[in-house]
N, C-alpha and C. Protein backbone atom coordinates (compact mmCIF):
# COMPACT_ATOMS: atom_id res chain seq x y z
N UNK A 1 101.86 59.72 -107.27
CA UNK A 1 101.92 60.54 -108.46
C UNK A 1 100.49 60.93 -108.85
N UNK A 2 100.25 62.23 -109.10
CA UNK A 2 98.90 62.66 -109.46
C UNK A 2 98.51 62.13 -110.84
N UNK A 3 97.19 61.96 -111.06
CA UNK A 3 96.77 61.47 -112.38
C UNK A 3 97.14 62.45 -113.49
N UNK A 4 97.35 61.90 -114.67
CA UNK A 4 97.76 62.70 -115.83
C UNK A 4 96.78 63.83 -116.11
N UNK A 5 95.51 63.59 -115.87
CA UNK A 5 94.48 64.59 -116.17
C UNK A 5 94.70 65.90 -115.41
N UNK A 6 95.35 65.83 -114.26
CA UNK A 6 95.58 67.05 -113.48
C UNK A 6 96.66 67.93 -114.08
N UNK A 7 97.42 67.40 -115.03
CA UNK A 7 98.49 68.16 -115.66
C UNK A 7 98.05 68.82 -116.97
N UNK A 8 96.84 68.52 -117.43
CA UNK A 8 96.37 69.05 -118.70
C UNK A 8 95.84 70.48 -118.55
N UNK A 9 95.94 71.22 -119.62
CA UNK A 9 95.49 72.61 -119.62
C UNK A 9 93.96 72.67 -119.50
N UNK A 10 93.50 73.47 -118.59
CA UNK A 10 92.08 73.78 -118.48
C UNK A 10 91.97 75.28 -118.26
N UNK A 11 90.94 75.92 -118.81
CA UNK A 11 90.87 77.38 -118.81
C UNK A 11 90.56 78.02 -117.46
N UNK A 12 89.83 77.35 -116.64
CA UNK A 12 89.36 77.96 -115.39
C UNK A 12 89.87 77.16 -114.20
N UNK A 13 89.53 77.67 -113.04
CA UNK A 13 89.83 76.93 -111.82
C UNK A 13 89.05 75.62 -111.83
N UNK A 14 89.50 74.67 -111.06
CA UNK A 14 88.80 73.39 -110.98
C UNK A 14 87.41 73.61 -110.37
N UNK A 15 86.45 72.86 -110.87
CA UNK A 15 85.11 72.86 -110.30
C UNK A 15 85.12 71.85 -109.17
N UNK A 16 84.85 72.31 -107.96
CA UNK A 16 84.88 71.41 -106.81
C UNK A 16 83.46 71.06 -106.40
N UNK A 17 83.14 69.78 -106.47
CA UNK A 17 81.83 69.28 -106.04
C UNK A 17 81.95 68.44 -104.78
N UNK A 18 83.14 68.40 -104.21
CA UNK A 18 83.40 67.61 -103.01
C UNK A 18 83.69 68.55 -101.84
N UNK A 19 83.15 68.24 -100.67
CA UNK A 19 83.47 69.06 -99.50
C UNK A 19 84.95 68.93 -99.13
N UNK A 20 85.47 69.94 -98.48
CA UNK A 20 86.87 69.90 -98.05
C UNK A 20 87.11 68.69 -97.16
N UNK A 21 88.20 68.01 -97.40
CA UNK A 21 88.58 66.87 -96.60
C UNK A 21 87.96 65.55 -97.04
N UNK A 22 87.05 65.59 -97.99
CA UNK A 22 86.41 64.36 -98.46
C UNK A 22 87.35 63.61 -99.40
N UNK A 23 87.16 62.31 -99.48
CA UNK A 23 87.94 61.52 -100.43
C UNK A 23 87.37 61.83 -101.82
N UNK A 24 88.19 62.42 -102.67
CA UNK A 24 87.70 62.88 -103.97
C UNK A 24 88.58 62.37 -105.09
N UNK A 25 88.01 62.38 -106.29
CA UNK A 25 88.76 62.05 -107.50
C UNK A 25 88.80 63.29 -108.38
N UNK A 26 89.81 63.38 -109.22
CA UNK A 26 89.94 64.49 -110.16
C UNK A 26 89.72 63.93 -111.56
N UNK A 27 88.76 64.53 -112.26
CA UNK A 27 88.46 64.09 -113.62
C UNK A 27 88.48 65.29 -114.56
N UNK A 28 88.58 64.99 -115.83
CA UNK A 28 88.53 66.03 -116.86
C UNK A 28 87.21 65.86 -117.59
N UNK A 29 86.48 66.97 -117.78
CA UNK A 29 85.24 66.95 -118.54
C UNK A 29 85.46 67.84 -119.76
N UNK A 30 85.34 67.25 -120.94
CA UNK A 30 85.64 67.95 -122.18
C UNK A 30 84.38 68.09 -123.01
N UNK A 31 84.14 69.31 -123.52
CA UNK A 31 82.99 69.58 -124.40
C UNK A 31 83.50 69.59 -125.83
N UNK A 32 83.04 68.63 -126.61
CA UNK A 32 83.54 68.46 -127.97
C UNK A 32 83.33 69.72 -128.82
N UNK A 33 82.12 70.27 -128.81
CA UNK A 33 81.81 71.42 -129.66
C UNK A 33 82.54 72.69 -129.22
N UNK A 34 82.86 72.80 -127.96
CA UNK A 34 83.54 73.99 -127.45
C UNK A 34 85.06 73.89 -127.58
N UNK A 35 85.57 72.73 -127.89
CA UNK A 35 87.01 72.49 -127.93
C UNK A 35 87.66 72.97 -126.63
N UNK A 36 87.01 72.65 -125.53
CA UNK A 36 87.49 73.11 -124.24
C UNK A 36 87.22 72.05 -123.18
N UNK A 37 87.85 72.21 -122.03
CA UNK A 37 87.71 71.24 -120.95
C UNK A 37 87.81 71.93 -119.61
N UNK A 38 87.26 71.27 -118.60
CA UNK A 38 87.40 71.74 -117.22
C UNK A 38 87.84 70.57 -116.36
N UNK A 39 88.49 70.91 -115.27
CA UNK A 39 88.89 69.91 -114.28
C UNK A 39 87.82 69.91 -113.20
N UNK A 40 87.35 68.72 -112.82
CA UNK A 40 86.31 68.59 -111.81
C UNK A 40 86.83 67.72 -110.68
N UNK A 41 86.65 68.20 -109.46
CA UNK A 41 87.01 67.43 -108.27
C UNK A 41 85.70 67.02 -107.61
N UNK A 42 85.47 65.72 -107.51
CA UNK A 42 84.20 65.22 -106.99
C UNK A 42 84.41 63.93 -106.21
N UNK A 43 83.46 63.63 -105.36
CA UNK A 43 83.48 62.35 -104.66
C UNK A 43 83.03 61.26 -105.62
N UNK A 44 83.51 60.04 -105.45
CA UNK A 44 83.07 58.95 -106.32
C UNK A 44 81.56 58.71 -106.28
N UNK A 45 80.90 59.14 -105.21
CA UNK A 45 79.45 58.96 -105.08
C UNK A 45 78.63 60.05 -105.73
N UNK A 46 79.26 61.06 -106.30
CA UNK A 46 78.55 62.14 -106.98
C UNK A 46 77.90 61.59 -108.24
N UNK A 47 76.65 61.99 -108.50
CA UNK A 47 75.98 61.47 -109.69
C UNK A 47 76.51 62.14 -110.95
N UNK A 48 76.48 61.40 -112.03
CA UNK A 48 77.01 61.87 -113.32
C UNK A 48 76.29 63.14 -113.77
N UNK A 49 74.97 63.20 -113.59
CA UNK A 49 74.19 64.37 -114.03
C UNK A 49 74.65 65.65 -113.33
N UNK A 50 75.06 65.55 -112.08
CA UNK A 50 75.53 66.74 -111.35
C UNK A 50 76.85 67.24 -111.92
N UNK A 51 77.75 66.32 -112.24
CA UNK A 51 79.03 66.69 -112.84
C UNK A 51 78.79 67.31 -114.21
N UNK A 52 77.91 66.70 -114.99
CA UNK A 52 77.58 67.21 -116.33
C UNK A 52 77.01 68.63 -116.24
N UNK A 53 76.07 68.87 -115.33
CA UNK A 53 75.46 70.19 -115.19
C UNK A 53 76.49 71.24 -114.79
N UNK A 54 77.38 70.89 -113.87
CA UNK A 54 78.41 71.84 -113.42
C UNK A 54 79.37 72.17 -114.56
N UNK A 55 79.75 71.17 -115.34
CA UNK A 55 80.66 71.39 -116.46
C UNK A 55 79.99 72.21 -117.57
N UNK A 56 78.72 71.91 -117.85
CA UNK A 56 78.00 72.66 -118.89
C UNK A 56 77.82 74.12 -118.51
N UNK A 57 77.67 74.41 -117.22
CA UNK A 57 77.53 75.80 -116.78
C UNK A 57 78.76 76.62 -117.14
N UNK A 58 79.91 75.98 -117.19
CA UNK A 58 81.16 76.67 -117.54
C UNK A 58 81.44 76.59 -119.04
N UNK A 59 81.29 75.40 -119.61
CA UNK A 59 81.70 75.17 -121.00
C UNK A 59 80.67 75.60 -122.04
N UNK A 60 79.40 75.48 -121.71
CA UNK A 60 78.34 75.78 -122.69
C UNK A 60 77.09 76.28 -121.97
N UNK A 61 77.17 77.47 -121.36
CA UNK A 61 76.02 77.96 -120.59
C UNK A 61 74.79 78.27 -121.45
N UNK A 62 74.95 78.33 -122.76
CA UNK A 62 73.83 78.65 -123.64
C UNK A 62 73.01 77.43 -124.06
N UNK A 63 73.39 76.24 -123.64
CA UNK A 63 72.62 75.04 -124.00
C UNK A 63 71.41 74.97 -123.07
N UNK A 64 70.18 75.09 -123.65
CA UNK A 64 68.99 75.15 -122.81
C UNK A 64 68.58 73.81 -122.21
N UNK A 65 68.84 72.71 -122.90
CA UNK A 65 68.42 71.40 -122.43
C UNK A 65 69.63 70.49 -122.22
N UNK A 66 70.07 70.30 -120.97
CA UNK A 66 71.19 69.38 -120.74
C UNK A 66 70.92 67.97 -121.26
N UNK A 67 69.65 67.59 -121.39
CA UNK A 67 69.32 66.26 -121.91
C UNK A 67 69.73 66.11 -123.37
N UNK A 68 69.95 67.23 -124.07
CA UNK A 68 70.40 67.18 -125.46
C UNK A 68 71.90 66.93 -125.58
N UNK A 69 72.57 66.82 -124.44
CA UNK A 69 74.01 66.60 -124.43
C UNK A 69 74.29 65.18 -123.94
N UNK A 70 75.09 64.46 -124.71
CA UNK A 70 75.46 63.08 -124.40
C UNK A 70 76.73 63.08 -123.55
N UNK A 71 76.78 62.22 -122.55
CA UNK A 71 77.97 62.04 -121.73
C UNK A 71 78.58 60.69 -122.07
N UNK A 72 79.86 60.70 -122.42
CA UNK A 72 80.54 59.46 -122.79
C UNK A 72 81.77 59.23 -121.90
N UNK A 73 82.05 57.96 -121.68
CA UNK A 73 83.25 57.54 -120.97
C UNK A 73 83.86 56.41 -121.78
N UNK A 74 85.08 56.59 -122.21
CA UNK A 74 85.75 55.56 -123.00
C UNK A 74 85.06 55.28 -124.33
N UNK A 75 84.40 56.28 -124.88
CA UNK A 75 83.73 56.12 -126.17
C UNK A 75 82.31 55.61 -126.10
N UNK A 76 81.85 55.25 -124.91
CA UNK A 76 80.50 54.72 -124.75
C UNK A 76 79.63 55.70 -123.97
N UNK A 77 78.38 55.83 -124.40
CA UNK A 77 77.45 56.74 -123.74
C UNK A 77 77.08 56.20 -122.36
N UNK A 78 77.05 57.10 -121.39
CA UNK A 78 76.54 56.76 -120.07
C UNK A 78 75.04 57.05 -120.14
N UNK A 79 74.24 56.01 -120.30
CA UNK A 79 72.81 56.19 -120.52
C UNK A 79 72.05 56.56 -119.25
N UNK A 80 72.50 56.06 -118.11
CA UNK A 80 71.83 56.36 -116.85
C UNK A 80 72.68 57.36 -116.07
N UNK A 81 72.37 58.63 -116.24
CA UNK A 81 73.16 59.68 -115.59
C UNK A 81 72.80 59.86 -114.12
N UNK A 82 71.86 59.06 -113.61
CA UNK A 82 71.55 59.11 -112.18
C UNK A 82 72.50 58.20 -111.39
N UNK A 83 73.36 57.47 -112.11
CA UNK A 83 74.37 56.63 -111.45
C UNK A 83 75.47 57.51 -110.86
N UNK A 84 76.13 56.97 -109.85
CA UNK A 84 77.29 57.67 -109.30
C UNK A 84 78.45 57.54 -110.27
N UNK A 85 79.44 58.39 -110.10
CA UNK A 85 80.64 58.30 -110.94
C UNK A 85 81.27 56.91 -110.82
N UNK A 86 81.36 56.41 -109.60
CA UNK A 86 81.98 55.09 -109.38
C UNK A 86 81.18 53.99 -110.08
N UNK A 87 79.85 54.05 -109.98
CA UNK A 87 79.00 53.03 -110.61
C UNK A 87 79.08 53.09 -112.13
N UNK A 88 79.35 54.28 -112.67
CA UNK A 88 79.48 54.44 -114.12
C UNK A 88 80.86 54.03 -114.63
N UNK A 89 81.78 53.76 -113.71
CA UNK A 89 83.12 53.33 -114.11
C UNK A 89 84.15 54.45 -114.16
N UNK A 90 83.79 55.63 -113.67
CA UNK A 90 84.72 56.76 -113.68
C UNK A 90 85.72 56.58 -112.55
N UNK A 91 87.00 56.72 -112.89
CA UNK A 91 88.07 56.59 -111.91
C UNK A 91 88.86 57.89 -111.84
N UNK A 92 89.73 57.98 -110.86
CA UNK A 92 90.60 59.15 -110.74
C UNK A 92 91.41 59.29 -112.03
N UNK A 93 91.32 60.44 -112.67
CA UNK A 93 92.05 60.68 -113.90
C UNK A 93 91.26 60.41 -115.18
N UNK A 94 90.01 59.96 -115.05
CA UNK A 94 89.19 59.69 -116.24
C UNK A 94 88.80 60.98 -116.95
N UNK A 95 88.41 60.85 -118.21
CA UNK A 95 87.89 61.98 -118.99
C UNK A 95 86.48 61.66 -119.43
N UNK A 96 85.55 62.56 -119.10
CA UNK A 96 84.18 62.46 -119.60
C UNK A 96 84.08 63.38 -120.80
N UNK A 97 83.50 62.90 -121.87
CA UNK A 97 83.32 63.68 -123.08
C UNK A 97 81.85 64.05 -123.21
N UNK A 98 81.59 65.34 -123.39
CA UNK A 98 80.22 65.82 -123.60
C UNK A 98 80.09 66.28 -125.05
N UNK A 99 78.99 65.92 -125.68
CA UNK A 99 78.73 66.48 -127.01
C UNK A 99 77.23 66.50 -127.26
N UNK A 100 76.82 67.43 -128.11
CA UNK A 100 75.41 67.63 -128.40
C UNK A 100 74.89 66.45 -129.21
N UNK A 101 73.78 65.92 -128.74
CA UNK A 101 73.14 64.81 -129.46
C UNK A 101 72.51 65.37 -130.73
N UNK A 102 72.88 64.82 -131.82
CA UNK A 102 72.34 65.28 -133.10
C UNK A 102 71.10 64.46 -133.44
N UNK A 103 69.99 65.11 -133.47
CA UNK A 103 68.74 64.42 -133.79
C UNK A 103 68.58 64.36 -135.30
N UNK A 104 68.40 63.16 -135.81
CA UNK A 104 68.26 62.93 -137.24
C UNK A 104 66.78 62.80 -137.58
N UNK A 105 66.31 63.46 -138.63
CA UNK A 105 64.91 63.29 -139.03
C UNK A 105 64.68 61.87 -139.56
N UNK A 106 63.49 61.36 -139.32
CA UNK A 106 63.14 60.03 -139.83
C UNK A 106 62.91 60.10 -141.32
N UNK A 107 63.32 59.05 -142.01
CA UNK A 107 63.13 59.01 -143.47
C UNK A 107 61.99 58.11 -143.83
């Protein structure tokens, strides 16, 4: 049975970061501020930053600094985006949440 994430509405075609025939997982990447999501097909060894950049190109192409966007899995920030999806705990059917980091002035 395919993961639930593959049945959810996404506006565009899936973003494929895996070569044809490779063992891949399907994940959902959702941009909080855009109220939108994309489906991403990637190998478990793909780094989180690559998935984030590909999703931002579709969901928020006007964001100049990808470092200003936080990537979360299960409510927790993935601080080291150079990790692979598998090392970060992303599984087939997971949802990554992207949102703009709000910088607060010091008081």
